[in-house]
Amino acid sequence: MSESPKITVISREGTTATLEQNAGQDTLMQLLFANDQGVEAACGGCASCATCHVYIAEEWVKRLPPREQVEDLLLSYSEHFDKIRSRLSCQISMTSDIDGLILEIAPEE
């Protein structure tokens, strides 16, 4: 595994990009926001807005820590909630464990 994880992102338009963590990007949301991937991040990562909603590739879902209660509750109100794949990217830490992660940016609300 790489020390700077590489993430494959599928945009809302269906294009694919591979992004690599840079200094100061502690969460997946920060990586996506810095690379103009359509993540608004309105609350700045406080898990209170769901504008960083992503779908995790099914093969990765069980490899990530489960959703916390606040994340689960917020996402459950989303029009585009996927009980299995939906995550708030602000709640996923950029660690070497997620090197190779594949995700899709969820549709805007």
PDB file of N, CA and C in Angstrom:
ATOM      1  N   MET A   1       0.832  -1.190   0.000  1.00  0.00           N
ATOM      2  CA  MET A   1       0.000   0.000   0.000  1.00  0.00           C
ATOM      3  C   MET A   1       0.874   1.250   0.000  1.00  0.00           C
ATOM      4  N   SER A   2       0.383   2.247  -0.623  1.00  0.00           N
ATOM      5  CA  SER A   2       1.081   3.519  -0.728  1.00  0.00           C
ATOM      6  C   SER A   2       0.848   4.350   0.537  1.00  0.00           C
ATOM      7  N   GLU A   3       1.802   5.229   0.887  1.00  0.00           N
ATOM      8  CA  GLU A   3       1.597   6.116   2.034  1.00  0.00           C
ATOM      9  C   GLU A   3       0.598   7.208   1.706  1.00  0.00           C
ATOM     10  N   SER A   4       0.548   7.638   0.454  1.00  0.00           N
ATOM     11  CA  SER A   4      -0.457   8.596  -0.008  1.00  0.00           C
ATOM     12  C   SER A   4      -1.480   7.814  -0.813  1.00  0.00           C
ATOM     13  N   PRO A   5      -2.638   7.558  -0.205  1.00  0.00           N
ATOM     14  CA  PRO A   5      -3.611   6.725  -0.910  1.00  0.00           C
ATOM     15  C   PRO A   5      -4.068   7.337  -2.229  1.00  0.00           C
ATOM     16  N   LYS A   6      -4.279   6.455  -3.196  1.00  0.00           N
ATOM     17  CA  LYS A   6      -4.847   6.850  -4.485  1.00  0.00           C
ATOM     18  C   LYS A   6      -6.290   6.372  -4.494  1.00  0.00           C
ATOM     19  N   ILE A   7      -7.185   7.270  -4.904  1.00  0.00           N
ATOM     20  CA  ILE A   7      -8.617   7.011  -4.899  1.00  0.00           C
ATOM     21  C   ILE A   7      -9.148   7.165  -6.313  1.00  0.00           C
ATOM     22  N   THR A   8      -9.981   6.241  -6.753  1.00  0.00           N
ATOM     23  CA  THR A   8     -10.628   6.359  -8.054  1.00  0.00           C
ATOM     24  C   THR A   8     -12.024   6.943  -7.831  1.00  0.00           C
ATOM     25  N   VAL A   9     -12.297   8.035  -8.545  1.00  0.00           N
ATOM     26  CA  VAL A   9     -13.548   8.766  -8.388  1.00  0.00           C
ATOM     27  C   VAL A   9     -14.315   8.756  -9.703  1.00  0.00           C
ATOM     28  N   ILE A  10     -15.582   8.384  -9.621  1.00  0.00           N
ATOM     29  CA  ILE A  10     -16.472   8.453 -10.777  1.00  0.00           C
ATOM     30  C   ILE A  10     -17.377   9.664 -10.554  1.00  0.00           C
ATOM     31  N   SER A  11     -17.307  10.613 -11.474  1.00  0.00           N
ATOM     32  CA  SER A  11     -18.073  11.856 -11.341  1.00  0.00           C
ATOM     33  C   SER A  11     -19.556  11.618 -11.604  1.00  0.00           C
ATOM     34  N   ARG A  12     -20.347  12.639 -11.341  1.00  0.00           N
ATOM     35  CA  ARG A  12     -21.789  12.560 -11.647  1.00  0.00           C
ATOM     36  C   ARG A  12     -22.031  12.386 -13.146  1.00  0.00           C
ATOM     37  N   GLU A  13     -21.071  12.822 -13.955  1.00  0.00           N
ATOM     38  CA  GLU A  13     -21.191  12.709 -15.413  1.00  0.00           C
ATOM     39  C   GLU A  13     -20.664  11.378 -15.928  1.00  0.00           C
ATOM     40  N   GLY A  14     -20.052  10.562 -15.034  1.00  0.00           N
ATOM     41  CA  GLY A  14     -19.554   9.256 -15.431  1.00  0.00           C
ATOM     42  C   GLY A  14     -18.083   9.199 -15.805  1.00  0.00           C
ATOM     43  N   THR A  15     -17.377  10.330 -15.697  1.00  0.00           N
ATOM     44  CA  THR A  15     -15.940  10.300 -15.987  1.00  0.00           C
ATOM     45  C   THR A  15     -15.180   9.806 -14.758  1.00  0.00           C
ATOM     46  N   THR A  16     -14.039   9.191 -15.015  1.00  0.00           N
ATOM     47  CA  THR A  16     -13.240   8.606 -13.941  1.00  0.00           C
ATOM     48  C   THR A  16     -11.933   9.374 -13.783  1.00  0.00           C
ATOM     49  N   ALA A  17     -11.556   9.606 -12.526  1.00  0.00           N
ATOM     50  CA  ALA A  17     -10.288  10.271 -12.215  1.00  0.00           C
ATOM     51  C   ALA A  17      -9.620   9.516 -11.071  1.00  0.00           C
ATOM     52  N   THR A  18      -8.300   9.493 -11.079  1.00  0.00           N
ATOM     53  CA  THR A  18      -7.553   8.928  -9.960  1.00  0.00           C
ATOM     54  C   THR A  18      -6.906  10.089  -9.221  1.00  0.00           C
ATOM     55  N   LEU A  19      -7.208  10.194  -7.935  1.00  0.00           N
ATOM     56  CA  LEU A  19      -6.706  11.293  -7.115  1.00  0.00           C
ATOM     57  C   LEU A  19      -5.753  10.752  -6.070  1.00  0.00           C
ATOM     58  N   GLU A  20      -4.738  11.554  -5.734  1.00  0.00           N
ATOM     59  CA  GLU A  20      -3.786  11.168  -4.702  1.00  0.00           C
ATOM     60  C   GLU A  20      -3.776  12.223  -3.617  1.00  0.00           C
ATOM     61  N   GLN A  21      -3.738  11.764  -2.390  1.00  0.00           N
ATOM     62  CA  GLN A  21      -3.745  12.638  -1.225  1.00  0.00           C
ATOM     63  C   GLN A  21      -2.562  13.596  -1.243  1.00  0.00           C
ATOM     64  N   ASN A  22      -2.832  14.849  -0.892  1.00  0.00           N
ATOM     65  CA  ASN A  22      -1.797  15.865  -0.715  1.00  0.00           C
ATOM     66  C   ASN A  22      -1.756  16.275   0.745  1.00  0.00           C
ATOM     67  N   ALA A  23      -0.734  16.986   1.141  1.00  0.00           N
ATOM     68  CA  ALA A  23      -0.593  17.453   2.522  1.00  0.00           C
ATOM     69  C   ALA A  23      -1.840  18.223   2.950  1.00  0.00           C
ATOM     70  N   GLY A  24      -2.268  17.993   4.159  1.00  0.00           N
ATOM     71  CA  GLY A  24      -3.411  18.709   4.713  1.00  0.00           C
ATOM     72  C   GLY A  24      -4.760  18.099   4.374  1.00  0.00           C
ATOM     73  N   GLN A  25      -4.776  17.053   3.604  1.00  0.00           N
ATOM     74  CA  GLN A  25      -6.037  16.393   3.261  1.00  0.00           C
ATOM     75  C   GLN A  25      -6.201  15.181   4.177  1.00  0.00           C
ATOM     76  N   ASP A  26      -6.894  15.410   5.300  1.00  0.00           N
ATOM     77  CA  ASP A  26      -7.049  14.365   6.311  1.00  0.00           C
ATOM     78  C   ASP A  26      -8.283  13.496   6.080  1.00  0.00           C
ATOM     79  N   THR A  27      -9.245  14.027   5.320  1.00  0.00           N
ATOM     80  CA  THR A  27     -10.462  13.265   5.039  1.00  0.00           C
ATOM     81  C   THR A  27     -10.669  13.153   3.530  1.00  0.00           C
ATOM     82  N   LEU A  28     -11.456  12.191   3.169  1.00  0.00           N
ATOM     83  CA  LEU A  28     -11.801  11.997   1.763  1.00  0.00           C
ATOM     84  C   LEU A  28     -12.498  13.236   1.205  1.00  0.00           C
ATOM     85  N   MET A  29     -13.329  13.881   2.005  1.00  0.00           N
ATOM     86  CA  MET A  29     -14.017  15.106   1.573  1.00  0.00           C
ATOM     87  C   MET A  29     -13.016  16.176   1.151  1.00  0.00           C
ATOM     88  N   GLN A  30     -11.955  16.356   1.925  1.00  0.00           N
ATOM     89  CA  GLN A  30     -10.954  17.378   1.601  1.00  0.00           C
ATOM     90  C   GLN A  30     -10.274  17.072   0.273  1.00  0.00           C
ATOM     91  N   LEU A  31      -9.981  15.808   0.028  1.00  0.00           N
ATOM     92  CA  LEU A  31      -9.378  15.398  -1.245  1.00  0.00           C
ATOM     93  C   LEU A  31     -10.325  15.699  -2.406  1.00  0.00           C
ATOM     94  N   LEU A  32     -11.592  15.322  -2.257  1.00  0.00           N
ATOM     95  CA  LEU A  32     -12.572  15.525  -3.329  1.00  0.00           C
ATOM     96  C   LEU A  32     -12.824  17.010  -3.580  1.00  0.00           C
ATOM     97  N   PHE A  33     -12.948  17.794  -2.500  1.00  0.00           N
ATOM     98  CA  PHE A  33     -13.197  19.226  -2.629  1.00  0.00           C
ATOM     99  C   PHE A  33     -12.023  19.922  -3.320  1.00  0.00           C
ATOM    100  N   ALA A  34     -10.813  19.600  -2.906  1.00  0.00           N
ATOM    101  CA  ALA A  34      -9.613  20.237  -3.468  1.00  0.00           C
ATOM    102  C   ALA A  34      -9.426  19.913  -4.947  1.00  0.00           C
ATOM    103  N   ASN A  35      -9.987  18.804  -5.380  1.00  0.00           N
ATOM    104  CA  ASN A  35      -9.837  18.384  -6.775  1.00  0.00           C
ATOM    105  C   ASN A  35     -11.105  18.616  -7.601  1.00  0.00           C
ATOM    106  N   ASP A  36     -11.972  19.510  -7.137  1.00  0.00           N
ATOM    107  CA  ASP A  36     -13.176  19.917  -7.884  1.00  0.00           C
ATOM    108  C   ASP A  36     -13.999  18.733  -8.375  1.00  0.00           C
ATOM    109  N   GLN A  37     -14.322  17.832  -7.456  1.00  0.00           N
ATOM    110  CA  GLN A  37     -15.081  16.641  -7.825  1.00  0.00           C
ATOM    111  C   GLN A  37     -16.586  16.777  -7.566  1.00  0.00           C
ATOM    112  N   GLY A  38     -17.078  17.998  -7.389  1.00  0.00           N
ATOM    113  CA  GLY A  38     -18.514  18.207  -7.233  1.00  0.00           C
ATOM    114  C   GLY A  38     -19.003  18.038  -5.808  1.00  0.00           C
ATOM    115  N   VAL A  39     -18.076  18.023  -4.853  1.00  0.00           N
ATOM    116  CA  VAL A  39     -18.422  17.927  -3.441  1.00  0.00           C
ATOM    117  C   VAL A  39     -18.425  19.341  -2.879  1.00  0.00           C
ATOM    118  N   GLU A  40     -19.603  19.793  -2.406  1.00  0.00           N
ATOM    119  CA  GLU A  40     -19.723  21.163  -1.912  1.00  0.00           C
ATOM    120  C   GLU A  40     -19.087  21.354  -0.539  1.00  0.00           C
ATOM    121  N   ALA A  41     -19.230  20.361   0.332  1.00  0.00           N
ATOM    122  CA  ALA A  41     -18.651  20.419   1.683  1.00  0.00           C
ATOM    123  C   ALA A  41     -19.095  21.673   2.432  1.00  0.00           C
ATOM    124  N   ALA A  42     -20.379  21.976   2.381  1.00  0.00           N
ATOM    125  CA  ALA A  42     -20.921  23.212   2.953  1.00  0.00           C
ATOM    126  C   ALA A  42     -20.664  23.357   4.450  1.00  0.00           C
ATOM    127  N   CYS A  43     -20.670  22.259   5.198  1.00  0.00           N
ATOM    128  CA  CYS A  43     -20.487  22.365   6.651  1.00  0.00           C
ATOM    129  C   CYS A  43     -19.026  22.238   7.059  1.00  0.00           C
ATOM    130  N   GLY A  44     -18.138  22.039   6.090  1.00  0.00           N
ATOM    131  CA  GLY A  44     -16.717  21.952   6.384  1.00  0.00           C
ATOM    132  C   GLY A  44     -16.277  20.646   7.019  1.00  0.00           C
ATOM    133  N   GLY A  45     -17.127  19.641   6.960  1.00  0.00           N
ATOM    134  CA  GLY A  45     -16.741  18.332   7.483  1.00  0.00           C
ATOM    135  C   GLY A  45     -17.307  18.002   8.845  1.00  0.00           C
ATOM    136  N   CYS A  46     -18.356  18.688   9.247  1.00  0.00           N
ATOM    137  CA  CYS A  46     -18.962  18.474  10.572  1.00  0.00           C
ATOM    138  C   CYS A  46     -20.079  17.427  10.564  1.00  0.00           C
ATOM    139  N   ALA A  47     -20.293  16.765   9.448  1.00  0.00           N
ATOM    140  CA  ALA A  47     -21.365  15.761   9.318  1.00  0.00           C
ATOM    141  C   ALA A  47     -22.735  16.366   9.606  1.00  0.00           C
ATOM    142  N   SER A  48     -22.978  17.551   9.036  1.00  0.00           N
ATOM    143  CA  SER A  48     -24.270  18.182   9.278  1.00  0.00           C
ATOM    144  C   SER A  48     -24.977  18.666   8.009  1.00  0.00           C
ATOM    145  N   CYS A  49     -24.445  18.328   6.810  1.00  0.00           N
ATOM    146  CA  CYS A  49     -25.102  18.853   5.608  1.00  0.00           C
ATOM    147  C   CYS A  49     -25.308  17.825   4.495  1.00  0.00           C
ATOM    148  N   ALA A  50     -24.512  16.782   4.443  1.00  0.00           N
ATOM    149  CA  ALA A  50     -24.578  15.726   3.412  1.00  0.00           C
ATOM    150  C   ALA A  50     -24.242  16.215   2.003  1.00  0.00           C
ATOM    151  N   THR A  51     -23.547  17.355   1.870  1.00  0.00           N
ATOM    152  CA  THR A  51     -23.143  17.815   0.539  1.00  0.00           C
ATOM    153  C   THR A  51     -21.845  17.144   0.088  1.00  0.00           C
ATOM    154  N   CYS A  52     -21.351  16.187   0.873  1.00  0.00           N
ATOM    155  CA  CYS A  52     -20.159  15.420   0.486  1.00  0.00           C
ATOM    156  C   CYS A  52     -20.527  13.939   0.327  1.00  0.00           C
ATOM    157  N   HIS A  53     -21.797  13.680   0.049  1.00  0.00           N
ATOM    158  CA  HIS A  53     -22.337  12.319  -0.082  1.00  0.00           C
ATOM    159  C   HIS A  53     -21.700  11.606  -1.270  1.00  0.00           C
ATOM    160  N   VAL A  54     -21.201  10.390  -1.008  1.00  0.00           N
ATOM    161  CA  VAL A  54     -20.617   9.551  -2.052  1.00  0.00           C
ATOM    162  C   VAL A  54     -21.155   8.133  -1.921  1.00  0.00           C
ATOM    163  N   TYR A  55     -21.005   7.367  -3.004  1.00  0.00           N
ATOM    164  CA  TYR A  55     -21.318   5.942  -2.993  1.00  0.00           C
ATOM    165  C   TYR A  55     -19.998   5.189  -3.055  1.00  0.00           C
ATOM    166  N   ILE A  56     -19.766   4.341  -2.079  1.00  0.00           N
ATOM    167  CA  ILE A  56     -18.561   3.519  -2.024  1.00  0.00           C
ATOM    168  C   ILE A  56     -18.793   2.268  -2.863  1.00  0.00           C
ATOM    169  N   ALA A  57     -17.795   1.866  -3.648  1.00  0.00           N
ATOM    170  CA  ALA A  57     -17.909   0.631  -4.429  1.00  0.00           C
ATOM    171  C   ALA A  57     -18.196  -0.529  -3.471  1.00  0.00           C
ATOM    172  N   GLU A  58     -19.111  -1.414  -3.869  1.00  0.00           N
ATOM    173  CA  GLU A  58     -19.559  -2.480  -2.972  1.00  0.00           C
ATOM    174  C   GLU A  58     -18.426  -3.307  -2.396  1.00  0.00           C
ATOM    175  N   GLU A  59     -17.376  -3.553  -3.189  1.00  0.00           N
ATOM    176  CA  GLU A  59     -16.269  -4.370  -2.688  1.00  0.00           C
ATOM    177  C   GLU A  59     -15.465  -3.658  -1.597  1.00  0.00           C
ATOM    178  N   TRP A  60     -15.700  -2.360  -1.415  1.00  0.00           N
ATOM    179  CA  TRP A  60     -15.000  -1.579  -0.402  1.00  0.00           C
ATOM    180  C   TRP A  60     -15.830  -1.319   0.853  1.00  0.00           C
ATOM    181  N   VAL A  61     -17.129  -1.504   0.777  1.00  0.00           N
ATOM    182  CA  VAL A  61     -18.013  -1.138   1.892  1.00  0.00           C
ATOM    183  C   VAL A  61     -17.572  -1.765   3.211  1.00  0.00           C
ATOM    184  N   LYS A  62     -17.315  -3.042   3.238  1.00  0.00           N
ATOM    185  CA  LYS A  62     -16.958  -3.735   4.484  1.00  0.00           C
ATOM    186  C   LYS A  62     -15.510  -3.471   4.908  1.00  0.00           C
ATOM    187  N   ARG A  63     -14.726  -2.879   4.029  1.00  0.00           N
ATOM    188  CA  ARG A  63     -13.331  -2.574   4.358  1.00  0.00           C
ATOM    189  C   ARG A  63     -13.187  -1.237   5.087  1.00  0.00           C
ATOM    190  N   LEU A  64     -14.257  -0.449   5.095  1.00  0.00           N
ATOM    191  CA  LEU A  64     -14.250   0.842   5.788  1.00  0.00           C
ATOM    192  C   LEU A  64     -14.923   0.701   7.145  1.00  0.00           C
ATOM    193  N   PRO A  65     -14.571   1.573   8.095  1.00  0.00           N
ATOM    194  CA  PRO A  65     -15.307   1.564   9.363  1.00  0.00           C
ATOM    195  C   PRO A  65     -16.788   1.840   9.083  1.00  0.00           C
ATOM    196  N   PRO A  66     -17.690   1.249   9.847  1.00  0.00           N
ATOM    197  CA  PRO A  66     -19.121   1.479   9.599  1.00  0.00           C
ATOM    198  C   PRO A  66     -19.523   2.923   9.857  1.00  0.00           C
ATOM    199  N   ARG A  67     -20.671   3.305   9.301  1.00  0.00           N
ATOM    200  CA  ARG A  67     -21.209   4.649   9.554  1.00  0.00           C
ATOM    201  C   ARG A  67     -21.513   4.802  11.039  1.00  0.00           C
ATOM    202  N   GLU A  68     -21.197   5.973  11.554  1.00  0.00           N
ATOM    203  CA  GLU A  68     -21.589   6.319  12.924  1.00  0.00           C
ATOM    204  C   GLU A  68     -23.079   6.701  12.894  1.00  0.00           C
ATOM    205  N   GLN A  69     -23.704   6.767  14.040  1.00  0.00           N
ATOM    206  CA  GLN A  69     -25.142   7.042  14.124  1.00  0.00           C
ATOM    207  C   GLN A  69     -25.520   8.380  13.464  1.00  0.00           C
ATOM    208  N   VAL A  70     -24.744   9.436  13.705  1.00  0.00           N
ATOM    209  CA  VAL A  70     -25.075  10.748  13.132  1.00  0.00           C
ATOM    210  C   VAL A  70     -24.984  10.715  11.603  1.00  0.00           C
ATOM    211  N   GLU A  71     -23.994  10.032  11.073  1.00  0.00           N
ATOM    212  CA  GLU A  71     -23.843   9.905   9.627  1.00  0.00           C
ATOM    213  C   GLU A  71     -25.007   9.115   9.040  1.00  0.00           C
ATOM    214  N   ASP A  72     -25.352   8.021   9.682  1.00  0.00           N
ATOM    215  CA  ASP A  72     -26.448   7.177   9.229  1.00  0.00           C
ATOM    216  C   ASP A  72     -27.763   7.960   9.209  1.00  0.00           C
ATOM    217  N   LEU A  73     -28.015   8.706  10.266  1.00  0.00           N
ATOM    218  CA  LEU A  73     -29.249   9.485  10.372  1.00  0.00           C
ATOM    219  C   LEU A  73     -29.320  10.558   9.286  1.00  0.00           C
ATOM    220  N   LEU A  74     -28.245  11.302   9.100  1.00  0.00           N
ATOM    221  CA  LEU A  74     -28.222  12.367   8.096  1.00  0.00           C
ATOM    222  C   LEU A  74     -28.430  11.800   6.689  1.00  0.00           C
ATOM    223  N   LEU A  75     -27.733  10.726   6.378  1.00  0.00           N
ATOM    224  CA  LEU A  75     -27.861  10.126   5.044  1.00  0.00           C
ATOM    225  C   LEU A  75     -29.243   9.537   4.810  1.00  0.00           C
ATOM    226  N   SER A  76     -29.872   9.036   5.851  1.00  0.00           N
ATOM    227  CA  SER A  76     -31.192   8.409   5.682  1.00  0.00           C
ATOM    228  C   SER A  76     -32.242   9.408   5.200  1.00  0.00           C
ATOM    229  N   TYR A  77     -32.009  10.690   5.407  1.00  0.00           N
ATOM    230  CA  TYR A  77     -32.923  11.727   4.924  1.00  0.00           C
ATOM    231  C   TYR A  77     -32.619  12.159   3.486  1.00  0.00           C
ATOM    232  N   SER A  78     -31.532  11.648   2.931  1.00  0.00           N
ATOM    233  CA  SER A  78     -31.146  12.011   1.573  1.00  0.00           C
ATOM    234  C   SER A  78     -32.058  11.330   0.554  1.00  0.00           C
ATOM    235  N   GLU A  79     -32.414  12.075  -0.451  1.00  0.00           N
ATOM    236  CA  GLU A  79     -33.247  11.547  -1.541  1.00  0.00           C
ATOM    237  C   GLU A  79     -32.530  10.404  -2.264  1.00  0.00           C
ATOM    238  N   HIS A  80     -31.203  10.422  -2.258  1.00  0.00           N
ATOM    239  CA  HIS A  80     -30.405   9.450  -3.011  1.00  0.00           C
ATOM    240  C   HIS A  80     -29.695   8.448  -2.095  1.00  0.00           C
ATOM    241  N   PHE A  81     -30.251   8.214  -0.908  1.00  0.00           N
ATOM    242  CA  PHE A  81     -29.643   7.315   0.066  1.00  0.00           C
ATOM    243  C   PHE A  81     -29.610   5.876  -0.435  1.00  0.00           C
ATOM    244  N   ASP A  82     -28.435   5.280  -0.365  1.00  0.00           N
ATOM    245  CA  ASP A  82     -28.249   3.861  -0.673  1.00  0.00           C
ATOM    246  C   ASP A  82     -27.833   3.205   0.644  1.00  0.00           C
ATOM    247  N   LYS A  83     -28.685   2.367   1.175  1.00  0.00           N
ATOM    248  CA  LYS A  83     -28.472   1.784   2.501  1.00  0.00           C
ATOM    249  C   LYS A  83     -27.109   1.101   2.643  1.00  0.00           C
ATOM    250  N   ILE A  84     -26.593   0.557   1.576  1.00  0.00           N
ATOM    251  CA  ILE A  84     -25.318  -0.157   1.621  1.00  0.00           C
ATOM    252  C   ILE A  84     -24.141   0.776   1.316  1.00  0.00           C
ATOM    253  N   ARG A  85     -24.206   1.541   0.223  1.00  0.00           N
ATOM    254  CA  ARG A  85     -23.031   2.251  -0.306  1.00  0.00           C
ATOM    255  C   ARG A  85     -22.894   3.706   0.103  1.00  0.00           C
ATOM    256  N   SER A  86     -23.934   4.353   0.607  1.00  0.00           N
ATOM    257  CA  SER A  86     -23.871   5.785   0.935  1.00  0.00           C
ATOM    258  C   SER A  86     -22.947   6.061   2.115  1.00  0.00           C
ATOM    259  N   ARG A  87     -22.100   7.063   1.937  1.00  0.00           N
ATOM    260  CA  ARG A  87     -21.229   7.552   3.013  1.00  0.00           C
ATOM    261  C   ARG A  87     -21.063   9.057   2.866  1.00  0.00           C
ATOM    262  N   LEU A  88     -20.756   9.716   3.989  1.00  0.00           N
ATOM    263  CA  LEU A  88     -20.328  11.109   3.957  1.00  0.00           C
ATOM    264  C   LEU A  88     -18.810  11.064   3.843  1.00  0.00           C
ATOM    265  N   SER A  89     -18.272  11.669   2.807  1.00  0.00           N
ATOM    266  CA  SER A  89     -16.818  11.589   2.604  1.00  0.00           C
ATOM    267  C   SER A  89     -16.041  12.309   3.706  1.00  0.00           C
ATOM    268  N   CYS A  90     -16.704  13.203   4.450  1.00  0.00           N
ATOM    269  CA  CYS A  90     -16.033  13.884   5.557  1.00  0.00           C
ATOM    270  C   CYS A  90     -15.783  12.944   6.726  1.00  0.00           C
ATOM    271  N   GLN A  91     -16.429  11.798   6.725  1.00  0.00           N
ATOM    272  CA  GLN A  91     -16.293  10.857   7.830  1.00  0.00           C
ATOM    273  C   GLN A  91     -15.327   9.713   7.516  1.00  0.00           C
ATOM    274  N   ILE A  92     -14.641   9.795   6.385  1.00  0.00           N
ATOM    275  CA  ILE A  92     -13.686   8.765   5.997  1.00  0.00           C
ATOM    276  C   ILE A  92     -12.280   9.368   6.018  1.00  0.00           C
ATOM    277  N   SER A  93     -11.458   8.834   6.893  1.00  0.00           N
ATOM    278  CA  SER A  93     -10.087   9.339   7.045  1.00  0.00           C
ATOM    279  C   SER A  93      -9.210   8.872   5.898  1.00  0.00           C
ATOM    280  N   MET A  94      -8.312   9.760   5.496  1.00  0.00           N
ATOM    281  CA  MET A  94      -7.326   9.428   4.464  1.00  0.00           C
ATOM    282  C   MET A  94      -6.184   8.663   5.132  1.00  0.00           C
ATOM    283  N   THR A  95      -6.234   7.346   5.029  1.00  0.00           N
ATOM    284  CA  THR A  95      -5.184   6.492   5.574  1.00  0.00           C
ATOM    285  C   THR A  95      -4.722   5.551   4.470  1.00  0.00           C
ATOM    286  N   SER A  96      -3.606   4.900   4.692  1.00  0.00           N
ATOM    287  CA  SER A  96      -3.103   3.957   3.693  1.00  0.00           C
ATOM    288  C   SER A  96      -4.078   2.794   3.490  1.00  0.00           C
ATOM    289  N   ASP A  97      -4.960   2.552   4.448  1.00  0.00           N
ATOM    290  CA  ASP A  97      -5.947   1.472   4.338  1.00  0.00           C
ATOM    291  C   ASP A  97      -6.930   1.682   3.190  1.00  0.00           C
ATOM    292  N   ILE A  98      -7.110   2.916   2.742  1.00  0.00           N
ATOM    293  CA  ILE A  98      -8.083   3.158   1.665  1.00  0.00           C
ATOM    294  C   ILE A  98      -7.417   3.327   0.298  1.00  0.00           C
ATOM    295  N   ASP A  99      -6.120   3.004   0.218  1.00  0.00           N
ATOM    296  CA  ASP A  99      -5.439   3.060  -1.072  1.00  0.00           C
ATOM    297  C   ASP A  99      -6.152   2.126  -2.053  1.00  0.00           C
ATOM    298  N   GLY A 100      -6.574   2.664  -3.200  1.00  0.00           N
ATOM    299  CA  GLY A 100      -7.289   1.874  -4.199  1.00  0.00           C
ATOM    300  C   GLY A 100      -8.802   1.982  -4.110  1.00  0.00           C
ATOM    301  N   LEU A 101      -9.310   2.728  -3.125  1.00  0.00           N
ATOM    302  CA  LEU A 101     -10.756   2.909  -2.951  1.00  0.00           C
ATOM    303  C   LEU A 101     -11.395   3.425  -4.234  1.00  0.00           C
ATOM    304  N   ILE A 102     -12.581   2.923  -4.532  1.00  0.00           N
ATOM    305  CA  ILE A 102     -13.362   3.383  -5.680  1.00  0.00           C
ATOM    306  C   ILE A 102     -14.676   3.939  -5.145  1.00  0.00           C
ATOM    307  N   LEU A 103     -15.039   5.121  -5.608  1.00  0.00           N
ATOM    308  CA  LEU A 103     -16.284   5.731  -5.182  1.00  0.00           C
ATOM    309  C   LEU A 103     -16.915   6.515  -6.316  1.00  0.00           C
ATOM    310  N   GLU A 104     -18.182   6.805  -6.137  1.00  0.00           N
ATOM    311  CA  GLU A 104     -18.947   7.607  -7.099  1.00  0.00           C
ATOM    312  C   GLU A 104     -19.555   8.772  -6.337  1.00  0.00           C
ATOM    313  N   ILE A 105     -19.503   9.955  -6.935  1.00  0.00           N
ATOM    314  CA  ILE A 105     -20.120  11.135  -6.320  1.00  0.00           C
ATOM    315  C   ILE A 105     -21.636  10.992  -6.442  1.00  0.00           C
ATOM    316  N   ALA A 106     -22.340  11.078  -5.317  1.00  0.00           N
ATOM    317  CA  ALA A 106     -23.797  10.939  -5.324  1.00  0.00           C
ATOM    318  C   ALA A 106     -24.449  12.135  -6.029  1.00  0.00           C
ATOM    319  N   PRO A 107     -25.638  11.943  -6.592  1.00  0.00           N
ATOM    320  CA  PRO A 107     -26.345  13.070  -7.214  1.00  0.00           C
ATOM    321  C   PRO A 107     -26.619  14.179  -6.194  1.00  0.00           C
ATOM    322  N   GLU A 108     -26.687  15.408  -6.679  1.00  0.00           N
ATOM    323  CA  GLU A 108     -27.014  16.526  -5.807  1.00  0.00           C
ATOM    324  C   GLU A 108     -28.466  16.412  -5.384  1.00  0.00           C
ATOM    325  N   GLU A 109     -28.746  16.917  -4.181  1.00  0.00           N
ATOM    326  CA  GLU A 109     -30.128  16.906  -3.673  1.00  0.00           C
ATOM    327  C   GLU A 109     -30.930  17.986  -4.357  1.00  0.00           C
TER     328      GLU A 109
END
